[in-house]
Amino acid sequence: MIRGRGLERRFGAKRVLRGLDLDVARGAFVVVTGANGSGKTTLLRLVAGLAAPTAGELAVDADRAELGYLGHEPLVYRELTALENLALYARLYRVPESRERIGMLLERFGLWDVRNERSGTYSRGMLQRLALCRALLHDPTLLLLDEPFSGLDAEGAELLDRELLERRGHATFLVATHDPVRLSPLATGAVPL
């Protein structure tokens, strides 16, 4: 599903990725590890099409509509409620039966009771849960998750563990993390940077 050869990415004189080869098969769960500044986020941004490699070749066998991306920023509108945010994304992705899907995700991630509150009033963990709902809303076949456990409390982390376990095998995952041990039971491969 993802094939990269000799991938490089520079930011001025600074080279973040250096000649990286990457193969991610459909249905795989690949964990990307490395120190801060090693290029984990950059790699996910390249695969998502949010940046272009400086050198090398990258092929991703998925349309944009099949891609779910969770970055460091939640990518939600803070002046909108959780319901309004997800309804907006549902329209953009043409999600069938969107009201039911939105309700199910908000309930599953423990946000149903605050669904009508502006997301700008949410804690960091609540924003992360909403961002996960946004990334999963259209049932993507390729999930690119950058530190998905960031900001989550124990309950939120357990919810995410369950969600990843249920989706494993039904989607392809590329997950950047500082905690590869947590994801090792799900992982089919690793990319150390």
N, C-alpha and C. Protein backbone atom coordinates (compact mmCIF):
# COMPACT_ATOMS: atom_id res chain seq x y z
N MET A 1 0.82 -1.20 0.00
CA MET A 1 0.00 0.00 0.00
C MET A 1 0.86 1.26 0.00
N ILE A 2 2.00 1.22 0.72
CA ILE A 2 2.93 2.35 0.74
C ILE A 2 4.31 1.84 0.33
N ARG A 3 4.91 2.51 -0.63
CA ARG A 3 6.24 2.12 -1.08
C ARG A 3 7.09 3.36 -1.26
N GLY A 4 8.18 3.44 -0.52
CA GLY A 4 9.10 4.56 -0.63
C GLY A 4 10.50 4.07 -0.91
N ARG A 5 11.21 4.76 -1.78
CA ARG A 5 12.58 4.40 -2.11
C ARG A 5 13.45 5.65 -2.04
N GLY A 6 14.48 5.58 -1.20
CA GLY A 6 15.44 6.67 -1.09
C GLY A 6 14.82 7.98 -0.64
N LEU A 7 13.82 7.92 0.24
CA LEU A 7 13.11 9.13 0.67
C LEU A 7 14.02 10.04 1.48
N GLU A 8 14.02 11.28 1.09
CA GLU A 8 14.73 12.32 1.84
C GLU A 8 13.83 13.53 1.97
N ARG A 9 14.03 14.23 3.06
CA ARG A 9 13.31 15.48 3.26
C ARG A 9 14.26 16.44 3.95
N ARG A 10 14.42 17.59 3.34
CA ARG A 10 15.27 18.64 3.89
C ARG A 10 14.44 19.85 4.25
N PHE A 11 14.90 20.54 5.25
CA PHE A 11 14.35 21.83 5.65
C PHE A 11 15.54 22.77 5.65
N GLY A 12 15.76 23.44 4.53
CA GLY A 12 16.96 24.25 4.37
C GLY A 12 18.16 23.33 4.32
N ALA A 13 19.14 23.60 5.16
CA ALA A 13 20.35 22.77 5.20
C ALA A 13 20.16 21.51 6.05
N LYS A 14 19.08 21.47 6.82
CA LYS A 14 18.84 20.33 7.72
C LYS A 14 18.14 19.19 6.97
N ARG A 15 18.75 18.01 6.99
CA ARG A 15 18.16 16.83 6.37
C ARG A 15 17.53 15.98 7.47
N VAL A 16 16.22 15.75 7.35
CA VAL A 16 15.51 15.00 8.38
C VAL A 16 15.47 13.52 8.03
N LEU A 17 15.04 13.19 6.84
CA LEU A 17 15.04 11.81 6.39
C LEU A 17 16.18 11.62 5.40
N ARG A 18 16.88 10.50 5.51
CA ARG A 18 18.06 10.26 4.67
C ARG A 18 17.96 8.91 3.99
N GLY A 19 17.55 8.91 2.75
CA GLY A 19 17.55 7.68 1.96
C GLY A 19 16.71 6.55 2.52
N LEU A 20 15.55 6.87 3.04
CA LEU A 20 14.69 5.87 3.69
C LEU A 20 13.95 5.02 2.66
N ASP A 21 14.01 3.71 2.82
CA ASP A 21 13.19 2.79 2.04
C ASP A 21 12.06 2.32 2.95
N LEU A 22 10.85 2.26 2.39
CA LEU A 22 9.68 1.95 3.19
C LEU A 22 8.73 1.06 2.39
N ASP A 23 8.30 -0.03 2.98
CA ASP A 23 7.29 -0.91 2.38
C ASP A 23 6.26 -1.24 3.44
N VAL A 24 5.02 -0.84 3.19
CA VAL A 24 3.92 -1.14 4.10
C VAL A 24 2.84 -1.85 3.29
N ALA A 25 2.61 -3.11 3.59
CA ALA A 25 1.62 -3.91 2.88
C ALA A 25 0.22 -3.54 3.35
N ARG A 26 -0.74 -3.77 2.48
CA ARG A 26 -2.15 -3.55 2.85
C ARG A 26 -2.49 -4.42 4.06
N GLY A 27 -3.11 -3.81 5.07
CA GLY A 27 -3.49 -4.51 6.29
C GLY A 27 -2.41 -4.57 7.35
N ALA A 28 -1.24 -4.02 7.06
CA ALA A 28 -0.13 -4.04 8.03
C ALA A 28 -0.36 -3.01 9.13
N PHE A 29 0.32 -3.21 10.24
CA PHE A 29 0.33 -2.26 11.35
C PHE A 29 1.79 -1.96 11.65
N VAL A 30 2.28 -0.86 11.09
CA VAL A 30 3.70 -0.52 11.18
C VAL A 30 3.90 0.63 12.16
N VAL A 31 4.82 0.41 13.09
CA VAL A 31 5.13 1.39 14.13
C VAL A 31 6.41 2.12 13.73
N VAL A 32 6.36 3.46 13.76
CA VAL A 32 7.51 4.30 13.44
C VAL A 32 8.06 4.84 14.76
N THR A 33 9.35 4.57 15.01
CA THR A 33 9.96 4.99 16.27
C THR A 33 11.20 5.84 16.00
N GLY A 34 11.61 6.56 17.02
CA GLY A 34 12.82 7.37 16.91
C GLY A 34 12.76 8.52 17.89
N ALA A 35 13.90 9.15 18.07
CA ALA A 35 14.01 10.28 18.98
C ALA A 35 13.27 11.49 18.41
N ASN A 36 13.06 12.48 19.26
CA ASN A 36 12.50 13.74 18.78
C ASN A 36 13.38 14.30 17.68
N GLY A 37 12.76 14.74 16.59
CA GLY A 37 13.51 15.32 15.49
C GLY A 37 14.06 14.30 14.50
N SER A 38 13.72 13.02 14.70
CA SER A 38 14.25 11.98 13.82
C SER A 38 13.50 11.87 12.49
N GLY A 39 12.32 12.47 12.41
CA GLY A 39 11.57 12.47 11.16
C GLY A 39 10.27 11.69 11.18
N LYS A 40 9.80 11.28 12.35
CA LYS A 40 8.55 10.51 12.44
C LYS A 40 7.38 11.30 11.87
N THR A 41 7.20 12.50 12.35
CA THR A 41 6.10 13.35 11.88
C THR A 41 6.27 13.67 10.41
N THR A 42 7.48 13.96 10.00
CA THR A 42 7.76 14.27 8.60
C THR A 42 7.36 13.11 7.70
N LEU A 43 7.71 11.89 8.10
CA LEU A 43 7.35 10.72 7.31
C LEU A 43 5.84 10.60 7.16
N LEU A 44 5.10 10.76 8.25
CA LEU A 44 3.65 10.68 8.17
C LEU A 44 3.07 11.78 7.28
N ARG A 45 3.63 12.96 7.37
CA ARG A 45 3.17 14.08 6.52
C ARG A 45 3.45 13.79 5.05
N LEU A 46 4.56 13.16 4.74
CA LEU A 46 4.87 12.78 3.35
C LEU A 46 3.84 11.77 2.84
N VAL A 47 3.57 10.74 3.63
CA VAL A 47 2.62 9.72 3.23
C VAL A 47 1.22 10.30 3.07
N ALA A 48 0.87 11.26 3.93
CA ALA A 48 -0.46 11.90 3.86
C ALA A 48 -0.58 12.86 2.68
N GLY A 49 0.53 13.19 2.06
CA GLY A 49 0.49 14.15 0.95
C GLY A 49 0.50 15.60 1.42
N LEU A 50 0.85 15.82 2.68
CA LEU A 50 0.91 17.18 3.23
C LEU A 50 2.25 17.84 2.98
N ALA A 51 3.22 17.06 2.54
CA ALA A 51 4.54 17.55 2.18
C ALA A 51 5.08 16.64 1.08
N ALA A 52 6.06 17.13 0.37
CA ALA A 52 6.66 16.34 -0.71
C ALA A 52 8.09 15.99 -0.33
N PRO A 53 8.55 14.80 -0.73
CA PRO A 53 9.94 14.46 -0.45
C PRO A 53 10.89 15.34 -1.26
N THR A 54 12.03 15.66 -0.67
CA THR A 54 13.06 16.43 -1.36
C THR A 54 13.74 15.54 -2.40
N ALA A 55 13.86 14.25 -2.09
CA ALA A 55 14.45 13.28 -3.01
C ALA A 55 13.79 11.93 -2.77
N GLY A 56 13.89 11.06 -3.76
CA GLY A 56 13.33 9.73 -3.64
C GLY A 56 11.95 9.64 -4.26
N GLU A 57 11.38 8.45 -4.16
CA GLU A 57 10.06 8.18 -4.73
C GLU A 57 9.14 7.63 -3.66
N LEU A 58 7.89 8.07 -3.72
CA LEU A 58 6.89 7.62 -2.76
C LEU A 58 5.60 7.33 -3.50
N ALA A 59 5.05 6.14 -3.30
CA ALA A 59 3.76 5.76 -3.88
C ALA A 59 2.85 5.28 -2.76
N VAL A 60 1.66 5.85 -2.72
CA VAL A 60 0.66 5.47 -1.72
C VAL A 60 -0.59 5.03 -2.47
N ASP A 61 -0.95 3.77 -2.29
CA ASP A 61 -2.09 3.19 -3.00
C ASP A 61 -3.38 3.41 -2.20
N ALA A 62 -3.75 4.68 -2.07
CA ALA A 62 -4.99 5.04 -1.38
C ALA A 62 -5.38 6.44 -1.83
N ASP A 63 -6.65 6.64 -2.09
CA ASP A 63 -7.16 7.98 -2.40
C ASP A 63 -7.20 8.80 -1.12
N ARG A 64 -7.21 10.09 -1.27
CA ARG A 64 -7.29 10.96 -0.09
C ARG A 64 -8.50 10.65 0.78
N ALA A 65 -9.60 10.28 0.14
CA ALA A 65 -10.82 9.98 0.89
C ALA A 65 -10.69 8.70 1.72
N GLU A 66 -9.68 7.88 1.44
CA GLU A 66 -9.46 6.63 2.17
C GLU A 66 -8.47 6.81 3.32
N LEU A 67 -7.97 8.01 3.49
CA LEU A 67 -6.90 8.27 4.44
C LEU A 67 -7.43 8.96 5.70
N GLY A 68 -7.05 8.45 6.85
CA GLY A 68 -7.36 9.10 8.13
C GLY A 68 -6.06 9.56 8.75
N TYR A 69 -5.97 10.85 9.07
CA TYR A 69 -4.71 11.42 9.57
C TYR A 69 -4.93 12.08 10.92
N LEU A 70 -4.09 11.69 11.89
CA LEU A 70 -4.08 12.32 13.20
C LEU A 70 -2.69 12.88 13.41
N GLY A 71 -2.59 14.21 13.46
CA GLY A 71 -1.31 14.87 13.66
C GLY A 71 -1.20 15.42 15.07
N HIS A 72 -0.20 16.26 15.27
CA HIS A 72 -0.01 16.88 16.59
C HIS A 72 -1.14 17.86 16.90
N GLU A 73 -1.64 18.52 15.89
CA GLU A 73 -2.78 19.42 16.07
C GLU A 73 -4.07 18.64 15.83
N PRO A 74 -5.12 18.92 16.58
CA PRO A 74 -6.35 18.13 16.44
C PRO A 74 -7.12 18.38 15.14
N LEU A 75 -6.84 19.49 14.45
CA LEU A 75 -7.51 19.83 13.20
C LEU A 75 -9.03 19.89 13.35
N VAL A 76 -9.46 20.52 14.43
CA VAL A 76 -10.88 20.78 14.64
C VAL A 76 -11.05 22.29 14.85
N TYR A 77 -12.25 22.76 14.55
CA TYR A 77 -12.55 24.18 14.74
C TYR A 77 -12.99 24.41 16.18
N ARG A 78 -12.21 25.22 16.89
CA ARG A 78 -12.45 25.40 18.34
C ARG A 78 -13.76 26.13 18.64
N GLU A 79 -14.25 26.92 17.69
CA GLU A 79 -15.50 27.66 17.94
C GLU A 79 -16.74 26.79 17.67
N LEU A 80 -16.53 25.60 17.11
CA LEU A 80 -17.64 24.69 16.84
C LEU A 80 -17.72 23.63 17.92
N THR A 81 -18.91 23.07 18.09
CA THR A 81 -19.09 21.97 19.03
C THR A 81 -18.53 20.69 18.41
N ALA A 82 -18.46 19.65 19.22
CA ALA A 82 -18.01 18.35 18.71
C ALA A 82 -18.95 17.88 17.60
N LEU A 83 -20.26 18.01 17.83
CA LEU A 83 -21.23 17.61 16.81
C LEU A 83 -21.04 18.40 15.52
N GLU A 84 -20.87 19.71 15.64
CA GLU A 84 -20.69 20.55 14.45
C GLU A 84 -19.40 20.22 13.71
N ASN A 85 -18.33 20.00 14.44
CA ASN A 85 -17.06 19.63 13.82
C ASN A 85 -17.20 18.34 13.02
N LEU A 86 -17.75 17.32 13.65
CA LEU A 86 -17.86 16.03 12.98
C LEU A 86 -18.87 16.06 11.84
N ALA A 87 -19.93 16.85 11.97
CA ALA A 87 -20.89 17.00 10.88
C ALA A 87 -20.23 17.66 9.67
N LEU A 88 -19.37 18.64 9.92
CA LEU A 88 -18.64 19.30 8.83
C LEU A 88 -17.74 18.30 8.11
N TYR A 89 -16.96 17.53 8.85
CA TYR A 89 -16.08 16.53 8.23
C TYR A 89 -16.89 15.44 7.54
N ALA A 90 -18.04 15.08 8.10
CA ALA A 90 -18.88 14.07 7.46
C ALA A 90 -19.37 14.55 6.10
N ARG A 91 -19.70 15.84 5.99
CA ARG A 91 -20.11 16.38 4.69
C ARG A 91 -18.93 16.38 3.72
N LEU A 92 -17.76 16.77 4.20
CA LEU A 92 -16.58 16.79 3.33
C LEU A 92 -16.25 15.41 2.79
N TYR A 93 -16.40 14.38 3.62
CA TYR A 93 -16.07 13.01 3.21
C TYR A 93 -17.28 12.23 2.71
N ARG A 94 -18.44 12.91 2.65
CA ARG A 94 -19.67 12.26 2.18
C ARG A 94 -19.94 10.95 2.92
N VAL A 95 -19.90 11.04 4.23
CA VAL A 95 -20.12 9.86 5.08
C VAL A 95 -21.60 9.49 5.06
N PRO A 96 -21.92 8.26 4.63
CA PRO A 96 -23.32 7.84 4.66
C PRO A 96 -23.78 7.64 6.10
N GLU A 97 -25.05 7.90 6.35
CA GLU A 97 -25.63 7.75 7.68
C GLU A 97 -24.76 8.43 8.73
N SER A 98 -24.38 9.66 8.44
CA SER A 98 -23.40 10.36 9.26
C SER A 98 -23.88 10.62 10.69
N ARG A 99 -25.15 10.89 10.88
CA ARG A 99 -25.63 11.16 12.24
C ARG A 99 -25.40 9.97 13.16
N GLU A 100 -25.69 8.79 12.65
CA GLU A 100 -25.49 7.58 13.43
C GLU A 100 -24.00 7.35 13.69
N ARG A 101 -23.19 7.54 12.67
CA ARG A 101 -21.74 7.33 12.79
C ARG A 101 -21.14 8.32 13.80
N ILE A 102 -21.55 9.59 13.71
CA ILE A 102 -21.05 10.61 14.63
C ILE A 102 -21.45 10.26 16.06
N GLY A 103 -22.70 9.91 16.26
CA GLY A 103 -23.18 9.54 17.59
C GLY A 103 -22.44 8.36 18.17
N MET A 104 -22.19 7.35 17.33
CA MET A 104 -21.48 6.17 17.78
C MET A 104 -20.06 6.51 18.21
N LEU A 105 -19.36 7.33 17.42
CA LEU A 105 -17.98 7.68 17.76
C LEU A 105 -17.91 8.54 19.02
N LEU A 106 -18.81 9.52 19.14
CA LEU A 106 -18.82 10.37 20.33
C LEU A 106 -19.11 9.55 21.58
N GLU A 107 -20.04 8.62 21.47
CA GLU A 107 -20.35 7.74 22.60
C GLU A 107 -19.14 6.87 22.92
N ARG A 108 -18.56 6.27 21.90
CA ARG A 108 -17.44 5.34 22.08
C ARG A 108 -16.24 6.03 22.72
N PHE A 109 -15.99 7.29 22.36
CA PHE A 109 -14.83 8.00 22.90
C PHE A 109 -15.17 8.89 24.10
N GLY A 110 -16.35 8.68 24.68
CA GLY A 110 -16.70 9.36 25.92
C GLY A 110 -16.96 10.85 25.79
N LEU A 111 -17.43 11.29 24.62
CA LEU A 111 -17.68 12.72 24.40
C LEU A 111 -19.17 13.03 24.20
N TRP A 112 -20.03 12.05 24.33
CA TRP A 112 -21.45 12.28 24.07
C TRP A 112 -22.03 13.35 24.99
N ASP A 113 -21.66 13.34 26.26
CA ASP A 113 -22.24 14.30 27.21
C ASP A 113 -21.79 15.74 26.96
N VAL A 114 -20.70 15.92 26.23
CA VAL A 114 -20.20 17.28 25.95
C VAL A 114 -20.30 17.60 24.46
N ARG A 115 -21.13 16.88 23.76
CA ARG A 115 -21.24 17.02 22.29
C ARG A 115 -21.68 18.40 21.85
N ASN A 116 -22.41 19.11 22.70
CA ASN A 116 -22.92 20.44 22.32
C ASN A 116 -22.09 21.58 22.89
N GLU A 117 -20.96 21.26 23.51
CA GLU A 117 -20.06 22.30 24.02
C GLU A 117 -19.01 22.62 22.96
N ARG A 118 -18.62 23.89 22.89
CA ARG A 118 -17.58 24.28 21.93
C ARG A 118 -16.29 23.54 22.25
N SER A 119 -15.64 23.04 21.23
CA SER A 119 -14.43 22.26 21.46
C SER A 119 -13.29 23.11 22.01
N GLY A 120 -13.39 24.43 21.87
CA GLY A 120 -12.39 25.31 22.45
C GLY A 120 -12.36 25.27 23.97
N THR A 121 -13.41 24.72 24.58
CA THR A 121 -13.46 24.60 26.04
C THR A 121 -12.96 23.23 26.51
N TYR A 122 -12.61 22.36 25.58
CA TYR A 122 -12.17 21.01 25.92
C TYR A 122 -10.75 20.99 26.47
N SER A 123 -10.49 20.01 27.32
CA SER A 123 -9.12 19.77 27.79
C SER A 123 -8.31 19.17 26.65
N ARG A 124 -7.00 19.05 26.85
CA ARG A 124 -6.13 18.47 25.82
C ARG A 124 -6.54 17.04 25.50
N GLY A 125 -6.87 16.27 26.51
CA GLY A 125 -7.29 14.88 26.29
C GLY A 125 -8.61 14.78 25.55
N MET A 126 -9.56 15.67 25.86
CA MET A 126 -10.84 15.67 25.15
C MET A 126 -10.65 16.05 23.69
N LEU A 127 -9.76 17.02 23.43
CA LEU A 127 -9.47 17.40 22.04
C LEU A 127 -8.84 16.23 21.29
N GLN A 128 -7.98 15.48 21.96
CA GLN A 128 -7.36 14.31 21.32
C GLN A 128 -8.43 13.27 20.98
N ARG A 129 -9.37 13.06 21.89
CA ARG A 129 -10.46 12.12 21.62
C ARG A 129 -11.29 12.59 20.43
N LEU A 130 -11.59 13.89 20.37
CA LEU A 130 -12.35 14.44 19.24
C LEU A 130 -11.57 14.30 17.94
N ALA A 131 -10.27 14.54 17.99
CA ALA A 131 -9.43 14.39 16.80
C ALA A 131 -9.42 12.93 16.33
N LEU A 132 -9.43 11.99 17.26
CA LEU A 132 -9.51 10.58 16.88
C LEU A 132 -10.86 10.27 16.22
N CYS A 133 -11.93 10.84 16.76
CA CYS A 133 -13.25 10.68 16.12
C CYS A 133 -13.21 11.22 14.70
N ARG A 134 -12.60 12.38 14.53
CA ARG A 134 -12.49 12.99 13.20
C ARG A 134 -11.71 12.10 12.24
N ALA A 135 -10.59 11.55 12.71
CA ALA A 135 -9.75 10.72 11.85
C ALA A 135 -10.43 9.40 11.48
N LEU A 136 -11.30 8.90 12.33
CA LEU A 136 -11.96 7.61 12.10
C LEU A 136 -13.34 7.73 11.45
N LEU A 137 -13.87 8.94 11.38
CA LEU A 137 -15.25 9.19 10.98
C LEU A 137 -15.63 8.54 9.66
N HIS A 138 -14.78 8.63 8.67
CA HIS A 138 -15.12 8.12 7.33
C HIS A 138 -14.63 6.70 7.09
N ASP A 139 -14.28 6.01 8.17
CA ASP A 139 -13.84 4.61 8.14
C ASP A 139 -12.72 4.41 7.12
N PRO A 140 -11.59 5.11 7.31
CA PRO A 140 -10.50 5.07 6.33
C PRO A 140 -9.82 3.71 6.26
N THR A 141 -9.25 3.43 5.10
CA THR A 141 -8.52 2.17 4.92
C THR A 141 -7.04 2.35 5.23
N LEU A 142 -6.57 3.59 5.31
CA LEU A 142 -5.19 3.89 5.69
C LEU A 142 -5.21 4.91 6.82
N LEU A 143 -4.67 4.52 7.97
CA LEU A 143 -4.63 5.41 9.13
C LEU A 143 -3.19 5.80 9.43
N LEU A 144 -2.94 7.09 9.46
CA LEU A 144 -1.64 7.67 9.79
C LEU A 144 -1.81 8.39 11.11
N LEU A 145 -1.24 7.82 12.16
CA LEU A 145 -1.45 8.34 13.51
C LEU A 145 -0.12 8.78 14.11
N ASP A 146 -0.03 10.05 14.47
CA ASP A 146 1.18 10.61 15.05
C ASP A 146 0.98 10.80 16.54
N GLU A 147 1.62 9.96 17.33
CA GLU A 147 1.50 9.97 18.79
C GLU A 147 0.02 9.99 19.22
N PRO A 148 -0.73 8.95 18.84
CA PRO A 148 -2.17 8.96 19.11
C PRO A 148 -2.54 8.94 20.60
N PHE A 149 -1.63 8.49 21.47
CA PHE A 149 -1.93 8.43 22.90
C PHE A 149 -1.61 9.74 23.62
N SER A 150 -1.06 10.71 22.90
CA SER A 150 -0.67 11.99 23.49
C SER A 150 -1.88 12.70 24.11
N GLY A 151 -1.76 13.06 25.37
CA GLY A 151 -2.81 13.80 26.06
C GLY A 151 -3.93 12.95 26.61
N LEU A 152 -3.95 11.67 26.33
CA LEU A 152 -5.04 10.82 26.80
C LEU A 152 -4.77 10.33 28.22
N ASP A 153 -5.83 10.31 29.03
CA ASP A 153 -5.72 9.71 30.36
C ASP A 153 -5.82 8.19 30.21
N ALA A 154 -5.79 7.48 31.31
CA ALA A 154 -5.80 6.00 31.26
C ALA A 154 -7.06 5.49 30.56
N GLU A 155 -8.21 6.09 30.85
CA GLU A 155 -9.46 5.65 30.22
C GLU A 155 -9.42 5.90 28.72
N GLY A 156 -8.95 7.08 28.31
CA GLY A 156 -8.85 7.40 26.89
C GLY A 156 -7.88 6.48 26.17
N ALA A 157 -6.77 6.15 26.82
CA ALA A 157 -5.78 5.24 26.23
C ALA A 157 -6.38 3.85 26.05
N GLU A 158 -7.17 3.40 27.02
CA GLU A 158 -7.83 2.09 26.91
C GLU A 158 -8.84 2.08 25.77
N LEU A 159 -9.57 3.19 25.61
CA LEU A 159 -10.51 3.30 24.49
C LEU A 159 -9.78 3.21 23.16
N LEU A 160 -8.65 3.89 23.06
CA LEU A 160 -7.87 3.85 21.83
C LEU A 160 -7.28 2.47 21.60
N ASP A 161 -6.78 1.82 22.65
CA ASP A 161 -6.28 0.45 22.52
C ASP A 161 -7.35 -0.45 21.91
N ARG A 162 -8.56 -0.35 22.42
CA ARG A 162 -9.67 -1.17 21.94
C ARG A 162 -9.98 -0.86 20.47
N GLU A 163 -10.00 0.42 20.14
CA GLU A 163 -10.31 0.83 18.77
C GLU A 163 -9.25 0.31 17.78
N LEU A 164 -7.99 0.42 18.15
CA LEU A 164 -6.92 -0.06 17.28
C LEU A 164 -7.00 -1.58 17.10
N LEU A 165 -7.27 -2.29 18.18
CA LEU A 165 -7.39 -3.73 18.12
C LEU A 165 -8.53 -4.15 17.20
N GLU A 166 -9.67 -3.47 17.31
CA GLU A 166 -10.83 -3.80 16.48
C GLU A 166 -10.58 -3.50 15.00
N ARG A 167 -9.81 -2.45 14.71
CA ARG A 167 -9.58 -2.06 13.32
C ARG A 167 -8.40 -2.77 12.68
N ARG A 168 -7.57 -3.37 13.51
CA ARG A 168 -6.39 -4.08 12.98
C ARG A 168 -6.87 -5.16 12.01
N GLY A 169 -6.24 -5.22 10.85
CA GLY A 169 -6.62 -6.17 9.83
C GLY A 169 -7.67 -5.65 8.87
N HIS A 170 -8.42 -4.60 9.28
CA HIS A 170 -9.42 -3.99 8.41
C HIS A 170 -8.89 -2.71 7.78
N ALA A 171 -7.77 -2.25 8.27
CA ALA A 171 -7.16 -1.03 7.75
C ALA A 171 -5.64 -1.21 7.82
N THR A 172 -4.94 -0.32 7.12
CA THR A 172 -3.48 -0.29 7.17
C THR A 172 -3.09 0.84 8.10
N PHE A 173 -2.11 0.60 8.98
CA PHE A 173 -1.70 1.58 9.97
C PHE A 173 -0.23 1.94 9.81
N LEU A 174 0.06 3.22 9.92
CA LEU A 174 1.42 3.72 10.08
C LEU A 174 1.34 4.65 11.29
N VAL A 175 1.95 4.22 12.40
CA VAL A 175 1.78 4.91 13.68
C VAL A 175 3.13 5.33 14.24
N ALA A 176 3.31 6.63 14.43
CA ALA A 176 4.52 7.17 15.05
C ALA A 176 4.30 7.22 16.56
N THR A 177 5.29 6.72 17.31
CA THR A 177 5.13 6.68 18.76
C THR A 177 6.48 6.69 19.48
N HIS A 178 6.44 7.22 20.70
CA HIS A 178 7.59 7.13 21.60
C HIS A 178 7.45 5.91 22.51
N ASP A 179 6.31 5.22 22.41
CA ASP A 179 6.03 4.08 23.27
C ASP A 179 5.71 2.84 22.43
N PRO A 180 6.72 2.29 21.73
CA PRO A 180 6.47 1.14 20.86
C PRO A 180 6.04 -0.11 21.63
N VAL A 181 6.38 -0.20 22.90
CA VAL A 181 6.01 -1.38 23.70
C VAL A 181 4.49 -1.49 23.80
N ARG A 182 3.82 -0.36 23.93
CA ARG A 182 2.36 -0.36 24.03
C ARG A 182 1.72 -0.94 22.77
N LEU A 183 2.32 -0.66 21.62
CA LEU A 183 1.74 -1.10 20.35
C LEU A 183 2.32 -2.42 19.84
N SER A 184 3.30 -2.96 20.53
CA SER A 184 3.96 -4.18 20.04
C SER A 184 3.01 -5.35 19.83
N PRO A 185 1.94 -5.53 20.65
CA PRO A 185 1.04 -6.65 20.37
C PRO A 185 0.30 -6.52 19.04
N LEU A 186 0.16 -5.30 18.54
CA LEU A 186 -0.55 -5.07 17.28
C LEU A 186 0.38 -5.01 16.08
N ALA A 187 1.63 -4.68 16.31
CA ALA A 187 2.58 -4.36 15.24
C ALA A 187 2.91 -5.58 14.38
N THR A 188 2.93 -5.33 13.08
CA THR A 188 3.42 -6.33 12.13
C THR A 188 4.79 -5.93 11.58
N GLY A 189 5.22 -4.71 11.90
CA GLY A 189 6.51 -4.24 11.43
C GLY A 189 6.88 -2.94 12.13
N ALA A 190 8.13 -2.53 11.95
CA ALA A 190 8.61 -1.30 12.57
C ALA A 190 9.55 -0.57 11.62
N VAL A 191 9.54 0.76 11.76
CA VAL A 191 10.46 1.61 11.01
C VAL A 191 11.21 2.46 12.04
N PRO A 192 12.41 2.07 12.40
CA PRO A 192 13.19 2.90 13.32
C PRO A 192 13.86 4.04 12.55
N LEU A 193 13.73 5.25 13.05
CA LEU A 193 14.35 6.42 12.41
C LEU A 193 15.47 6.96 13.29
